[in-house]
């Protein structure tokens, strides 16, 4: 899906690296009120989530998604802080590492950002229980106190059952939304698709996850998503498959 121009450049926003894949706020510590969708004229952004091995890092370094995800929540793709730090050292600096959290203490998130292990925060937990609006505001304050807030966007994951879930999330204090499929007792990575037609036109930029595969990629590109978040579709026997990573990235970039 062709994008007519780079909204970051068109609105005077600073591009944080030569490829334009970085996210930053040129106004210092002030939060971006209406962040531009992080894509350029050539392609929709791609995030490969759930990396756990040096081989996974080698594959993404070769095939160049825009973002990768380290999952710190309980999951078959979970990595420890120590493991993530080791993998981050191997990762190309042009690829942004996103930390995926479910109901985590704020101090843990700030520490990972402060150590340079992650450059963006994805909240995938319970909005009405733990990861409330107050939680997000407290997290932003903690990042600001550590002089990190200006360069660390929040991505609010929404486990979609119906359109009401989407509408409730729009006002959440995050720079980006991520729409994923609701699966009971599972926070992402299910490989199950929801009804994408439930997503209305919204001003806040958003990522799309859940059931994105080689057979659905072109349909996903026809949504208004600024980034496609892919995990299980690029795995074989529960491990990231370099060939599948290559194929899906080439498909996205060729449309």
Protein backbone atom coordinates (compact mmCIF):
# COMPACT_ATOMS: atom_id res chain seq x y z
CA UNK A 1 0.00 0.00 0.00
CA UNK A 2 1.64 3.22 -1.11
CA UNK A 3 1.87 6.13 1.30
CA UNK A 4 1.88 9.51 -0.43
CA UNK A 5 4.39 11.24 1.81
CA UNK A 6 6.19 11.01 5.10
CA UNK A 7 3.90 12.64 7.69
CA UNK A 8 6.79 13.12 10.08
CA UNK A 9 8.63 15.29 7.58
CA UNK A 10 5.49 16.97 6.26
CA UNK A 11 4.57 18.24 9.72
CA UNK A 12 8.09 19.29 10.67
CA UNK A 13 8.67 16.40 13.04
CA UNK A 14 12.24 15.25 13.42
CA UNK A 15 13.27 11.91 11.95
CA UNK A 16 15.44 10.16 14.52
CA UNK A 17 17.71 8.21 12.22
CA UNK A 18 18.70 8.06 8.58
CA UNK A 19 16.08 5.45 7.69
CA UNK A 20 13.26 7.44 9.28
CA UNK A 21 12.31 4.51 11.48
CA UNK A 22 12.99 6.22 14.78
CA UNK A 23 10.28 7.94 16.81
CA UNK A 24 11.07 11.17 18.59
CA UNK A 25 9.49 14.37 19.85
CA UNK A 26 11.41 17.42 18.66
CA UNK A 27 9.75 19.53 21.36
CA UNK A 28 11.85 18.11 24.16
CA UNK A 29 9.93 16.70 27.12
CA UNK A 30 6.51 17.76 25.85
CA UNK A 31 4.28 14.89 24.81
CA UNK A 32 3.31 14.78 21.15
CA UNK A 33 -0.43 15.52 21.11
CA UNK A 34 -1.13 13.94 17.72
CA UNK A 35 1.87 11.83 16.72
CA UNK A 36 2.36 11.20 13.05
CA UNK A 37 2.08 7.67 11.80
CA UNK A 38 5.63 6.27 11.70
CA UNK A 39 5.86 5.33 8.06
CA UNK A 40 7.41 6.86 4.98
CA UNK A 41 6.35 6.93 1.35
CA UNK A 42 7.79 3.52 0.58
CA UNK A 43 6.20 1.10 3.00
CA UNK A 44 3.97 0.38 5.95
CA UNK A 45 6.07 -0.32 9.01
CA UNK A 46 6.70 -3.87 10.21
CA UNK A 47 7.25 -5.22 13.72
CA UNK A 48 8.49 -8.76 14.29
CA UNK A 49 7.56 -9.66 17.85
CA UNK A 50 8.77 -12.34 20.24
CA UNK A 51 12.48 -12.62 19.46
CA UNK A 52 14.36 -14.89 21.85
CA UNK A 53 17.59 -16.09 20.18
CA UNK A 54 20.71 -14.66 18.53
CA UNK A 55 19.54 -16.38 15.33
CA UNK A 56 16.37 -14.29 15.45
CA UNK A 57 18.42 -11.11 15.73
CA UNK A 58 20.60 -12.17 12.81
CA UNK A 59 17.49 -12.66 10.68
CA UNK A 60 15.97 -9.26 11.46
CA UNK A 61 19.32 -7.55 10.98
CA UNK A 62 19.40 -9.03 7.49
CA UNK A 63 15.78 -8.43 6.46
CA UNK A 64 15.23 -5.13 8.26
CA UNK A 65 11.84 -4.77 9.93
CA UNK A 66 11.34 -1.39 11.56
CA UNK A 67 10.66 -2.74 15.05
CA UNK A 68 11.19 -5.94 17.00
CA UNK A 69 9.53 -7.01 20.22
CA UNK A 70 11.02 -8.43 23.40
CA UNK A 71 8.27 -10.03 25.48
CA UNK A 72 8.81 -9.56 29.22
CA UNK A 73 5.37 -10.89 30.14
CA UNK A 74 4.72 -14.58 30.93
CA UNK A 75 4.71 -16.24 27.52
CA UNK A 76 6.35 -18.98 25.52
CA UNK A 77 8.29 -16.11 23.91
CA UNK A 78 9.34 -14.53 27.22
CA UNK A 79 12.89 -13.26 27.64
CA UNK A 80 14.61 -12.23 30.85
CA UNK A 81 16.15 -8.81 31.27
CA UNK A 82 19.61 -10.35 31.01
CA UNK A 83 18.73 -12.23 27.83
CA UNK A 84 17.16 -9.15 26.26
CA UNK A 85 20.26 -7.10 27.06
CA UNK A 86 22.43 -9.67 25.30
CA UNK A 87 20.16 -9.71 22.25
CA UNK A 88 19.93 -5.91 22.13
CA UNK A 89 23.72 -5.69 21.81
CA UNK A 90 23.43 -7.73 18.60
CA UNK A 91 20.54 -5.72 17.14
CA UNK A 92 21.11 -3.15 14.41
CA UNK A 93 20.75 0.37 15.87
CA UNK A 94 18.33 1.25 13.04
CA UNK A 95 15.76 -1.23 14.40
CA UNK A 96 13.74 -0.10 17.42
CA UNK A 97 13.31 -2.65 20.22
CA UNK A 98 9.85 -2.59 21.81
CA UNK A 99 9.32 -4.02 25.27
CA UNK A 100 6.03 -5.91 25.68
CA UNK A 101 4.61 -5.86 29.20
CA UNK A 102 1.54 -7.23 30.95
CA UNK A 103 0.69 -5.60 34.29
CA UNK A 104 4.36 -4.93 35.12
CA UNK A 105 5.69 -2.68 37.89
CA UNK A 106 6.59 0.74 36.51
CA UNK A 107 10.08 0.55 38.01
CA UNK A 108 10.85 -2.54 35.92
CA UNK A 109 9.87 -0.76 32.70
CA UNK A 110 11.86 2.37 33.51
CA UNK A 111 14.93 0.28 34.31
CA UNK A 112 14.79 -1.49 30.93
CA UNK A 113 14.45 1.84 29.13
CA UNK A 114 17.21 3.41 31.20
CA UNK A 115 19.57 0.55 30.33
CA UNK A 116 18.92 1.08 26.63
CA UNK A 117 17.41 -2.38 26.18
CA UNK A 118 14.15 -1.03 24.76
CA UNK A 119 13.19 2.15 22.93
CA UNK A 120 9.40 1.89 23.11
CA UNK A 121 6.91 0.46 25.62
CA UNK A 122 3.96 -1.75 24.65
CA UNK A 123 1.35 -2.20 27.37
CA UNK A 124 -0.63 -5.38 26.78
CA UNK A 125 -2.26 -5.86 30.18
CA UNK A 126 -5.61 -5.04 31.73
CA UNK A 127 -6.74 -1.44 31.18
CA UNK A 128 -9.54 -1.70 33.73
CA UNK A 129 -7.56 -3.49 36.40
CA UNK A 130 -3.83 -2.78 36.44
CA UNK A 131 -2.78 -0.72 33.41
CA UNK A 132 -5.29 2.04 34.05
CA UNK A 133 -5.12 5.61 32.77
CA UNK A 134 -3.49 6.53 36.08
CA UNK A 135 -0.89 3.79 35.58
CA UNK A 136 0.00 5.19 32.14
CA UNK A 137 0.26 8.72 33.52
CA UNK A 138 2.46 7.50 36.39
CA UNK A 139 4.67 5.65 33.90
CA UNK A 140 5.07 8.79 31.81
CA UNK A 141 5.98 10.77 34.93
CA UNK A 142 8.56 8.15 35.91
CA UNK A 143 10.09 8.23 32.44
CA UNK A 144 10.11 12.03 32.50
CA UNK A 145 11.83 12.02 35.89
CA UNK A 146 14.52 9.83 34.34
CA UNK A 147 14.70 12.27 31.38
CA UNK A 148 13.48 9.51 29.07
CA UNK A 149 9.88 10.44 28.26
CA UNK A 150 10.52 12.50 25.12
CA UNK A 151 12.00 9.60 23.17
CA UNK A 152 10.01 6.63 24.52
CA UNK A 153 6.51 6.28 23.05
CA UNK A 154 3.79 4.18 24.68
CA UNK A 155 1.88 1.67 22.56
CA UNK A 156 -1.47 0.67 24.09
CA UNK A 157 -2.49 -2.83 23.04
CA UNK A 158 -6.23 -3.48 22.83
CA UNK A 159 -7.58 -7.03 22.88
CA UNK A 160 -10.55 -6.59 20.60
CA UNK A 161 -13.84 -8.40 21.19
CA UNK A 162 -16.06 -5.72 19.68
CA UNK A 163 -16.05 -2.12 18.55
CA UNK A 164 -16.60 -0.84 22.08
CA UNK A 165 -13.13 -2.07 23.07
CA UNK A 166 -11.62 0.11 20.36
CA UNK A 167 -13.67 3.19 21.20
CA UNK A 168 -12.79 2.97 24.89
CA UNK A 169 -9.08 2.81 24.11
CA UNK A 170 -8.87 5.89 21.91
CA UNK A 171 -8.61 8.28 24.87
CA UNK A 172 -5.92 6.23 26.65
CA UNK A 173 -2.78 8.35 27.19
CA UNK A 174 -0.51 6.56 24.71
CA UNK A 175 1.07 7.75 21.49
CA UNK A 176 -0.06 4.65 19.57
CA UNK A 177 -2.72 1.97 19.78
CA UNK A 178 -2.25 -1.67 18.82
CA UNK A 179 -5.31 -3.72 17.94
CA UNK A 180 -5.02 -7.45 18.63
CA UNK A 181 -7.46 -10.33 19.02
CA UNK A 182 -9.08 -11.09 22.36
CA UNK A 183 -8.23 -14.65 23.41
CA UNK A 184 -9.14 -15.61 26.97
CA UNK A 185 -6.13 -15.83 29.30
CA UNK A 186 -3.74 -14.89 26.49
CA UNK A 187 -2.13 -11.52 25.92
CA UNK A 188 -1.15 -11.46 22.26
CA UNK A 189 0.75 -13.83 20.01
CA UNK A 190 -2.26 -16.07 19.38
CA UNK A 191 -2.17 -15.96 15.59
CA UNK A 192 -5.95 -15.52 15.67
CA UNK A 193 -7.56 -12.80 13.58
CA UNK A 194 -10.43 -10.54 14.65
CA UNK A 195 -12.86 -8.69 12.39
CA UNK A 196 -10.74 -5.82 11.08
CA UNK A 197 -13.83 -4.03 9.80
CA UNK A 198 -14.60 -3.16 13.44
CA UNK A 199 -11.79 -0.59 13.39
CA UNK A 200 -13.20 2.86 12.58
CA UNK A 201 -11.23 5.76 11.21
CA UNK A 202 -9.36 7.24 14.17
CA UNK A 203 -6.82 10.03 14.31
CA UNK A 204 -4.41 8.29 16.66
CA UNK A 205 -1.97 6.08 14.70
CA UNK A 206 -2.28 2.36 15.28
CA UNK A 207 -0.59 -1.00 14.82
CA UNK A 208 -2.45 -4.11 13.66
CA UNK A 209 -1.79 -7.57 15.13
CA UNK A 210 -3.53 -10.92 15.24
CA UNK A 211 -3.71 -13.38 12.39
CA UNK A 212 -1.50 -11.46 9.98
CA UNK A 213 0.05 -14.02 7.64
CA UNK A 214 1.14 -14.45 4.04
CA UNK A 215 -2.49 -15.12 3.08
CA UNK A 216 -3.90 -12.03 4.82
CA UNK A 217 -1.06 -9.55 4.41
CA UNK A 218 -2.51 -7.71 1.43
CA UNK A 219 -5.84 -7.27 3.20
CA UNK A 220 -3.99 -5.99 6.27
CA UNK A 221 -2.18 -3.46 4.08
CA UNK A 222 -5.54 -2.11 2.94
CA UNK A 223 -6.42 -1.06 6.47
CA UNK A 224 -5.28 2.26 7.92
CA UNK A 225 -2.66 0.56 10.11
CA UNK A 226 0.68 2.31 10.12
CA UNK A 227 2.48 -0.82 11.30
CA UNK A 228 1.82 -4.56 11.04
CA UNK A 229 2.82 -6.56 14.13
CA UNK A 230 3.71 -10.14 13.24
CA UNK A 231 4.78 -13.06 15.43
CA UNK A 232 3.39 -16.57 14.97
CA UNK A 233 3.16 -16.22 11.17
CA UNK A 234 6.95 -16.09 10.94
CA UNK A 235 7.55 -19.16 13.09
CA UNK A 236 8.12 -22.84 12.40
CA UNK A 237 7.71 -25.24 15.33
CA UNK A 238 7.56 -22.31 17.75
CA UNK A 239 10.80 -20.68 16.58
CA UNK A 240 11.31 -17.66 14.39
CA UNK A 241 11.97 -18.81 10.82
CA UNK A 242 14.37 -16.57 8.83
CA UNK A 243 12.83 -17.59 5.52
CA UNK A 244 9.32 -16.67 6.69
CA UNK A 245 10.60 -13.37 8.06
CA UNK A 246 12.21 -12.64 4.70
CA UNK A 247 9.10 -13.58 2.73
CA UNK A 248 6.61 -11.54 4.73
CA UNK A 249 8.83 -8.45 4.82
CA UNK A 250 9.43 -8.69 1.08
CA UNK A 251 5.68 -9.03 0.51
CA UNK A 252 4.91 -5.92 2.54
CA UNK A 253 7.66 -3.89 0.91
CA UNK A 254 6.66 -4.95 -2.60
CA UNK A 255 3.03 -3.77 -2.37
